[in-house]
PDB file of all heavy atoms in Angstrom:
ATOM      1  N   MET A   1      12.483  -0.421  24.051  1.00  0.00           N
ATOM      2  CA  MET A   1      12.105  -1.027  22.842  1.00  0.00           C
ATOM      3  C   MET A   1      10.579  -1.002  22.673  1.00  0.00           C
ATOM      4  O   MET A   1       9.855  -1.023  23.671  1.00  0.00           O
ATOM      5  CB  MET A   1      12.564  -2.512  22.750  1.00  0.00           C
ATOM      6  CG  MET A   1      14.070  -2.647  22.726  1.00  0.00           C
ATOM      7  SD  MET A   1      14.623  -4.379  22.695  1.00  0.00           S
ATOM      8  CE  MET A   1      14.477  -4.697  20.938  1.00  0.00           C
ATOM      9  N   SER A   2      10.135  -0.923  21.442  1.00  0.00           N
ATOM     10  CA  SER A   2       8.691  -0.985  21.197  1.00  0.00           C
ATOM     11  C   SER A   2       8.141  -2.416  21.369  1.00  0.00           C
ATOM     12  O   SER A   2       8.973  -3.369  21.381  1.00  0.00           O
ATOM     13  CB  SER A   2       8.378  -0.482  19.797  1.00  0.00           C
ATOM     14  OG  SER A   2       8.814  -1.447  18.826  1.00  0.00           O
ATOM     15  N   ILE A   3       6.838  -2.567  21.471  1.00  0.00           N
ATOM     16  CA  ILE A   3       6.250  -3.894  21.589  1.00  0.00           C
ATOM     17  C   ILE A   3       6.639  -4.723  20.375  1.00  0.00           C
ATOM     18  O   ILE A   3       6.954  -5.910  20.507  1.00  0.00           O
ATOM     19  CB  ILE A   3       4.708  -3.764  21.770  1.00  0.00           C
ATOM     20  CG1 ILE A   3       4.355  -2.961  22.963  1.00  0.00           C
ATOM     21  CG2 ILE A   3       4.080  -5.166  21.814  1.00  0.00           C
ATOM     22  CD1 ILE A   3       4.860  -3.476  24.294  1.00  0.00           C
ATOM     23  N   ARG A   4       6.602  -4.112  19.214  1.00  0.00           N
ATOM     24  CA  ARG A   4       6.947  -4.859  17.966  1.00  0.00           C
ATOM     25  C   ARG A   4       8.380  -5.333  18.024  1.00  0.00           C
ATOM     26  O   ARG A   4       8.683  -6.454  17.677  1.00  0.00           O
ATOM     27  CB  ARG A   4       6.736  -3.958  16.790  1.00  0.00           C
ATOM     28  CG  ARG A   4       7.208  -4.604  15.511  1.00  0.00           C
ATOM     29  CD  ARG A   4       6.825  -3.741  14.344  1.00  0.00           C
ATOM     30  NE  ARG A   4       5.556  -4.229  13.856  1.00  0.00           N
ATOM     31  CZ  ARG A   4       5.369  -4.574  12.629  1.00  0.00           C
ATOM     32  NH1 ARG A   4       6.263  -4.383  11.730  1.00  0.00           N
ATOM     33  NH2 ARG A   4       4.236  -5.070  12.232  1.00  0.00           N
ATOM     34  N   GLU A   5       9.315  -4.481  18.462  1.00  0.00           N
ATOM     35  CA  GLU A   5      10.715  -4.855  18.551  1.00  0.00           C
ATOM     36  C   GLU A   5      10.924  -6.013  19.557  1.00  0.00           C
ATOM     37  O   GLU A   5      11.688  -6.928  19.335  1.00  0.00           O
ATOM     38  CB  GLU A   5      11.586  -3.646  18.966  1.00  0.00           C
ATOM     39  CG  GLU A   5      11.702  -2.584  17.888  1.00  0.00           C
ATOM     40  CD  GLU A   5      12.309  -1.288  18.423  1.00  0.00           C
ATOM     41  OE1 GLU A   5      12.116  -0.939  19.564  1.00  0.00           O
ATOM     42  OE2 GLU A   5      13.044  -0.649  17.607  1.00  0.00           O
ATOM     43  N   ILE A   6      10.222  -5.895  20.694  1.00  0.00           N
ATOM     44  CA  ILE A   6      10.323  -6.948  21.722  1.00  0.00           C
ATOM     45  C   ILE A   6       9.799  -8.277  21.139  1.00  0.00           C
ATOM     46  O   ILE A   6      10.415  -9.303  21.321  1.00  0.00           O
ATOM     47  CB  ILE A   6       9.574  -6.531  22.971  1.00  0.00           C
ATOM     48  CG1 ILE A   6      10.253  -5.336  23.643  1.00  0.00           C
ATOM     49  CG2 ILE A   6       9.398  -7.752  23.946  1.00  0.00           C
ATOM     50  CD1 ILE A   6       9.409  -4.687  24.756  1.00  0.00           C
ATOM     51  N   ALA A   7       8.713  -8.212  20.434  1.00  0.00           N
ATOM     52  CA  ALA A   7       8.154  -9.413  19.825  1.00  0.00           C
ATOM     53  C   ALA A   7       9.128 -10.036  18.840  1.00  0.00           C
ATOM     54  O   ALA A   7       9.348 -11.291  18.871  1.00  0.00           O
ATOM     55  CB  ALA A   7       6.817  -9.103  19.135  1.00  0.00           C
ATOM     56  N   THR A   8       9.812  -9.216  18.081  1.00  0.00           N
ATOM     57  CA  THR A   8      10.790  -9.699  17.124  1.00  0.00           C
ATOM     58  C   THR A   8      11.984 -10.335  17.862  1.00  0.00           C
ATOM     59  O   THR A   8      12.430 -11.428  17.514  1.00  0.00           O
ATOM     60  CB  THR A   8      11.269  -8.567  16.217  1.00  0.00           C
ATOM     61  OG1 THR A   8      10.127  -8.018  15.523  1.00  0.00           O
ATOM     62  CG2 THR A   8      12.271  -9.050  15.194  1.00  0.00           C
ATOM     63  N   VAL A   9      12.550  -9.612  18.857  1.00  0.00           N
ATOM     64  CA  VAL A   9      13.720 -10.090  19.537  1.00  0.00           C
ATOM     65  C   VAL A   9      13.419 -11.410  20.306  1.00  0.00           C
ATOM     66  O   VAL A   9      14.227 -12.326  20.284  1.00  0.00           O
ATOM     67  CB  VAL A   9      14.221  -9.017  20.534  1.00  0.00           C
ATOM     68  CG1 VAL A   9      15.234  -9.619  21.523  1.00  0.00           C
ATOM     69  CG2 VAL A   9      14.844  -7.863  19.765  1.00  0.00           C
ATOM     70  N   LEU A  10      12.268 -11.489  20.906  1.00  0.00           N
ATOM     71  CA  LEU A  10      11.882 -12.713  21.666  1.00  0.00           C
ATOM     72  C   LEU A  10      11.214 -13.797  20.843  1.00  0.00           C
ATOM     73  O   LEU A  10      10.902 -14.848  21.353  1.00  0.00           O
ATOM     74  CB  LEU A  10      10.963 -12.300  22.857  1.00  0.00           C
ATOM     75  CG  LEU A  10      11.566 -11.332  23.871  1.00  0.00           C
ATOM     76  CD1 LEU A  10      10.557 -11.046  24.987  1.00  0.00           C
ATOM     77  CD2 LEU A  10      12.856 -11.929  24.448  1.00  0.00           C
ATOM     78  N   ASN A  11      10.993 -13.471  19.569  1.00  0.00           N
ATOM     79  CA  ASN A  11      10.343 -14.399  18.643  1.00  0.00           C
ATOM     80  C   ASN A  11       8.966 -14.838  19.161  1.00  0.00           C
ATOM     81  O   ASN A  11       8.666 -16.026  19.209  1.00  0.00           O
ATOM     82  CB  ASN A  11      11.240 -15.600  18.369  1.00  0.00           C
ATOM     83  CG  ASN A  11      10.741 -16.339  17.097  1.00  0.00           C
ATOM     84  OD1 ASN A  11      10.163 -15.736  16.207  1.00  0.00           O
ATOM     85  ND2 ASN A  11      10.961 -17.644  17.118  1.00  0.00           N
ATOM     86  N   ILE A  12       8.183 -13.854  19.611  1.00  0.00           N
ATOM     87  CA  ILE A  12       6.816 -14.090  20.036  1.00  0.00           C
ATOM     88  C   ILE A  12       5.893 -13.094  19.325  1.00  0.00           C
ATOM     89  O   ILE A  12       6.384 -12.210  18.641  1.00  0.00           O
ATOM     90  CB  ILE A  12       6.677 -13.908  21.584  1.00  0.00           C
ATOM     91  CG1 ILE A  12       7.058 -12.515  22.016  1.00  0.00           C
ATOM     92  CG2 ILE A  12       7.463 -14.989  22.329  1.00  0.00           C
ATOM     93  CD1 ILE A  12       6.902 -12.219  23.512  1.00  0.00           C
ATOM     94  N   SER A  13       4.613 -13.326  19.443  1.00  0.00           N
ATOM     95  CA  SER A  13       3.678 -12.389  18.761  1.00  0.00           C
ATOM     96  C   SER A  13       3.628 -11.078  19.519  1.00  0.00           C
ATOM     97  O   SER A  13       4.017 -10.984  20.677  1.00  0.00           O
ATOM     98  CB  SER A  13       2.306 -13.060  18.732  1.00  0.00           C
ATOM     99  OG  SER A  13       1.742 -13.116  20.004  1.00  0.00           O
ATOM    100  N   ILE A  14       3.145 -10.072  18.874  1.00  0.00           N
ATOM    101  CA  ILE A  14       2.989  -8.791  19.453  1.00  0.00           C
ATOM    102  C   ILE A  14       2.007  -8.886  20.616  1.00  0.00           C
ATOM    103  O   ILE A  14       2.212  -8.273  21.671  1.00  0.00           O
ATOM    104  CB  ILE A  14       2.497  -7.719  18.402  1.00  0.00           C
ATOM    105  CG1 ILE A  14       3.643  -7.436  17.435  1.00  0.00           C
ATOM    106  CG2 ILE A  14       2.035  -6.437  19.111  1.00  0.00           C
ATOM    107  CD1 ILE A  14       3.244  -6.572  16.294  1.00  0.00           C
ATOM    108  N   ALA A  15       0.967  -9.640  20.426  1.00  0.00           N
ATOM    109  CA  ALA A  15      -0.040  -9.840  21.505  1.00  0.00           C
ATOM    110  C   ALA A  15       0.620 -10.469  22.729  1.00  0.00           C
ATOM    111  O   ALA A  15       0.356 -10.022  23.877  1.00  0.00           O
ATOM    112  CB  ALA A  15      -1.182 -10.687  21.008  1.00  0.00           C
ATOM    113  N   ALA A  16       1.500 -11.446  22.520  1.00  0.00           N
ATOM    114  CA  ALA A  16       2.150 -12.103  23.623  1.00  0.00           C
ATOM    115  C   ALA A  16       3.117 -11.141  24.335  1.00  0.00           C
ATOM    116  O   ALA A  16       3.175 -11.132  25.560  1.00  0.00           O
ATOM    117  CB  ALA A  16       2.924 -13.321  23.155  1.00  0.00           C
ATOM    118  N   ALA A  17       3.859 -10.339  23.582  1.00  0.00           N
ATOM    119  CA  ALA A  17       4.759  -9.380  24.177  1.00  0.00           C
ATOM    120  C   ALA A  17       3.988  -8.373  25.046  1.00  0.00           C
ATOM    121  O   ALA A  17       4.365  -8.050  26.133  1.00  0.00           O
ATOM    122  CB  ALA A  17       5.530  -8.655  23.085  1.00  0.00           C
ATOM    123  N   HIS A  18       2.892  -7.863  24.491  1.00  0.00           N
ATOM    124  CA  HIS A  18       2.015  -6.941  25.183  1.00  0.00           C
ATOM    125  C   HIS A  18       1.503  -7.547  26.489  1.00  0.00           C
ATOM    126  O   HIS A  18       1.596  -6.915  27.550  1.00  0.00           O
ATOM    127  CB  HIS A  18       0.855  -6.550  24.226  1.00  0.00           C
ATOM    128  CG  HIS A  18      -0.053  -5.540  24.775  1.00  0.00           C
ATOM    129  ND1 HIS A  18      -1.147  -5.843  25.548  1.00  0.00           N
ATOM    130  CD2 HIS A  18      -0.044  -4.183  24.677  1.00  0.00           C
ATOM    131  CE1 HIS A  18      -1.775  -4.746  25.861  1.00  0.00           C
ATOM    132  NE2 HIS A  18      -1.156  -3.691  25.335  1.00  0.00           N
ATOM    133  N   LYS A  19       1.028  -8.778  26.430  1.00  0.00           N
ATOM    134  CA  LYS A  19       0.470  -9.399  27.561  1.00  0.00           C
ATOM    135  C   LYS A  19       1.546  -9.719  28.636  1.00  0.00           C
ATOM    136  O   LYS A  19       1.310  -9.544  29.872  1.00  0.00           O
ATOM    137  CB  LYS A  19      -0.239 -10.715  27.159  1.00  0.00           C
ATOM    138  CG  LYS A  19      -1.142 -11.262  28.222  1.00  0.00           C
ATOM    139  CD  LYS A  19      -2.262 -10.310  28.462  1.00  0.00           C
ATOM    140  CE  LYS A  19      -3.278 -10.864  29.414  1.00  0.00           C
ATOM    141  NZ  LYS A  19      -4.256  -9.920  29.798  1.00  0.00           N
ATOM    142  N   ARG A  20       2.723 -10.141  28.217  1.00  0.00           N
ATOM    143  CA  ARG A  20       3.792 -10.427  29.167  1.00  0.00           C
ATOM    144  C   ARG A  20       4.248  -9.172  29.909  1.00  0.00           C
ATOM    145  O   ARG A  20       4.507  -9.251  31.137  1.00  0.00           O
ATOM    146  CB  ARG A  20       4.988 -11.068  28.444  1.00  0.00           C
ATOM    147  CG  ARG A  20       4.732 -12.486  28.022  1.00  0.00           C
ATOM    148  CD  ARG A  20       5.924 -13.079  27.333  1.00  0.00           C
ATOM    149  NE  ARG A  20       5.626 -14.371  26.794  1.00  0.00           N
ATOM    150  CZ  ARG A  20       6.488 -15.176  26.261  1.00  0.00           C
ATOM    151  NH1 ARG A  20       7.766 -14.796  26.110  1.00  0.00           N
ATOM    152  NH2 ARG A  20       6.134 -16.327  25.753  1.00  0.00           N
ATOM    153  N   ILE A  21       4.297  -8.077  29.257  1.00  0.00           N
ATOM    154  CA  ILE A  21       4.653  -6.866  29.928  1.00  0.00           C
ATOM    155  C   ILE A  21       3.548  -6.469  30.944  1.00  0.00           C
ATOM    156  O   ILE A  21       3.902  -6.056  32.074  1.00  0.00           O
ATOM    157  CB  ILE A  21       4.954  -5.715  28.964  1.00  0.00           C
ATOM    158  CG1 ILE A  21       6.221  -6.069  28.116  1.00  0.00           C
ATOM    159  CG2 ILE A  21       5.148  -4.348  29.656  1.00  0.00           C
ATOM    160  CD1 ILE A  21       6.458  -5.147  26.961  1.00  0.00           C
ATOM    161  N   GLN A  22       2.351  -6.581  30.560  1.00  0.00           N
ATOM    162  CA  GLN A  22       1.262  -6.311  31.459  1.00  0.00           C
ATOM    163  C   GLN A  22       1.317  -7.206  32.690  1.00  0.00           C
ATOM    164  O   GLN A  22       1.202  -6.736  33.845  1.00  0.00           O
ATOM    165  CB  GLN A  22      -0.086  -6.445  30.825  1.00  0.00           C
ATOM    166  CG  GLN A  22      -0.459  -5.359  29.864  1.00  0.00           C
ATOM    167  CD  GLN A  22      -1.808  -5.567  29.218  1.00  0.00           C
ATOM    168  OE1 GLN A  22      -2.237  -6.709  28.992  1.00  0.00           O
ATOM    169  NE2 GLN A  22      -2.497  -4.494  28.903  1.00  0.00           N
ATOM    170  N   ARG A  23       1.501  -8.505  32.479  1.00  0.00           N
ATOM    171  CA  ARG A  23       1.601  -9.468  33.591  1.00  0.00           C
ATOM    172  C   ARG A  23       2.791  -9.171  34.459  1.00  0.00           C
ATOM    173  O   ARG A  23       2.727  -9.295  35.698  1.00  0.00           O
ATOM    174  CB  ARG A  23       1.688 -10.903  33.038  1.00  0.00           C
ATOM    175  CG  ARG A  23       0.381 -11.359  32.496  1.00  0.00           C
ATOM    176  CD  ARG A  23       0.513 -12.780  31.995  1.00  0.00           C
ATOM    177  NE  ARG A  23      -0.770 -13.240  31.440  1.00  0.00           N
ATOM    178  CZ  ARG A  23      -0.898 -14.110  30.470  1.00  0.00           C
ATOM    179  NH1 ARG A  23       0.173 -14.660  29.913  1.00  0.00           N
ATOM    180  NH2 ARG A  23      -2.100 -14.424  30.036  1.00  0.00           N
ATOM    181  N   ALA A  24       3.924  -8.786  33.854  1.00  0.00           N
ATOM    182  CA  ALA A  24       5.146  -8.480  34.617  1.00  0.00           C
ATOM    183  C   ALA A  24       4.905  -7.317  35.570  1.00  0.00           C
ATOM    184  O   ALA A  24       5.335  -7.368  36.697  1.00  0.00           O
ATOM    185  CB  ALA A  24       6.266  -8.161  33.659  1.00  0.00           C
ATOM    186  N   ARG A  25       4.235  -6.288  35.074  1.00  0.00           N
ATOM    187  CA  ARG A  25       3.993  -5.141  35.933  1.00  0.00           C
ATOM    188  C   ARG A  25       3.055  -5.503  37.109  1.00  0.00           C
ATOM    189  O   ARG A  25       3.267  -5.059  38.247  1.00  0.00           O
ATOM    190  CB  ARG A  25       3.412  -3.966  35.128  1.00  0.00           C
ATOM    191  CG  ARG A  25       4.539  -3.351  34.274  1.00  0.00           C
ATOM    192  CD  ARG A  25       4.188  -2.114  33.623  1.00  0.00           C
ATOM    193  NE  ARG A  25       3.709  -1.029  34.475  1.00  0.00           N
ATOM    194  CZ  ARG A  25       4.344   0.120  34.585  1.00  0.00           C
ATOM    195  NH1 ARG A  25       5.386   0.399  33.915  1.00  0.00           N
ATOM    196  NH2 ARG A  25       3.808   1.062  35.342  1.00  0.00           N
ATOM    197  N   VAL A  26       2.040  -6.322  36.836  1.00  0.00           N
ATOM    198  CA  VAL A  26       1.144  -6.731  37.908  1.00  0.00           C
ATOM    199  C   VAL A  26       1.916  -7.577  38.924  1.00  0.00           C
ATOM    200  O   VAL A  26       1.798  -7.344  40.133  1.00  0.00           O
ATOM    201  CB  VAL A  26      -0.059  -7.510  37.318  1.00  0.00           C
ATOM    202  CG1 VAL A  26      -0.846  -8.217  38.386  1.00  0.00           C
ATOM    203  CG2 VAL A  26      -0.916  -6.598  36.515  1.00  0.00           C
ATOM    204  N   LYS A  27       2.708  -8.564  38.447  1.00  0.00           N
ATOM    205  CA  LYS A  27       3.493  -9.394  39.371  1.00  0.00           C
ATOM    206  C   LYS A  27       4.529  -8.568  40.120  1.00  0.00           C
ATOM    207  O   LYS A  27       4.746  -8.794  41.313  1.00  0.00           O
ATOM    208  CB  LYS A  27       4.249 -10.472  38.577  1.00  0.00           C
ATOM    209  CG  LYS A  27       3.376 -11.545  38.068  1.00  0.00           C
ATOM    210  CD  LYS A  27       3.227 -12.589  39.120  1.00  0.00           C
ATOM    211  CE  LYS A  27       2.564 -13.821  38.525  1.00  0.00           C
ATOM    212  NZ  LYS A  27       2.060 -14.686  39.531  1.00  0.00           N
ATOM    213  N   LEU A  28       5.103  -7.587  39.442  1.00  0.00           N
ATOM    214  CA  LEU A  28       6.028  -6.699  40.114  1.00  0.00           C
ATOM    215  C   LEU A  28       5.380  -5.940  41.246  1.00  0.00           C
ATOM    216  O   LEU A  28       5.900  -5.865  42.345  1.00  0.00           O
ATOM    217  CB  LEU A  28       6.636  -5.715  39.087  1.00  0.00           C
ATOM    218  CG  LEU A  28       7.712  -4.768  39.549  1.00  0.00           C
ATOM    219  CD1 LEU A  28       8.952  -5.565  39.985  1.00  0.00           C
ATOM    220  CD2 LEU A  28       8.110  -3.829  38.395  1.00  0.00           C
ATOM    221  N   MET A  29       4.210  -5.386  41.005  1.00  0.00           N
ATOM    222  CA  MET A  29       3.483  -4.649  42.045  1.00  0.00           C
ATOM    223  C   MET A  29       3.098  -5.607  43.215  1.00  0.00           C
ATOM    224  O   MET A  29       3.176  -5.175  44.367  1.00  0.00           O
ATOM    225  CB  MET A  29       2.274  -3.946  41.444  1.00  0.00           C
ATOM    226  CG  MET A  29       2.664  -2.809  40.545  1.00  0.00           C
ATOM    227  SD  MET A  29       1.395  -1.771  39.826  1.00  0.00           S
ATOM    228  CE  MET A  29      -0.125  -2.572  40.060  1.00  0.00           C
ATOM    229  N   GLU A  30       2.710  -6.789  42.895  1.00  0.00           N
ATOM    230  CA  GLU A  30       2.388  -7.773  43.949  1.00  0.00           C
ATOM    231  C   GLU A  30       3.567  -8.073  44.786  1.00  0.00           C
ATOM    232  O   GLU A  30       3.507  -8.121  46.025  1.00  0.00           O
ATOM    233  CB  GLU A  30       1.819  -9.075  43.317  1.00  0.00           C
ATOM    234  CG  GLU A  30       0.451  -8.948  42.712  1.00  0.00           C
ATOM    235  CD  GLU A  30       0.054 -10.222  41.957  1.00  0.00           C
ATOM    236  OE1 GLU A  30       0.844 -11.177  41.897  1.00  0.00           O
ATOM    237  OE2 GLU A  30      -1.036 -10.206  41.364  1.00  0.00           O
TER     238      GLU A  30
END
């Protein structure tokens, strides 16, 4: 899904969706 689609599905802003995916990848690598 695109960032926009994720934001819509999760009912969050595009900025929040973008940031959560970035944080998830960092946490995943840790």
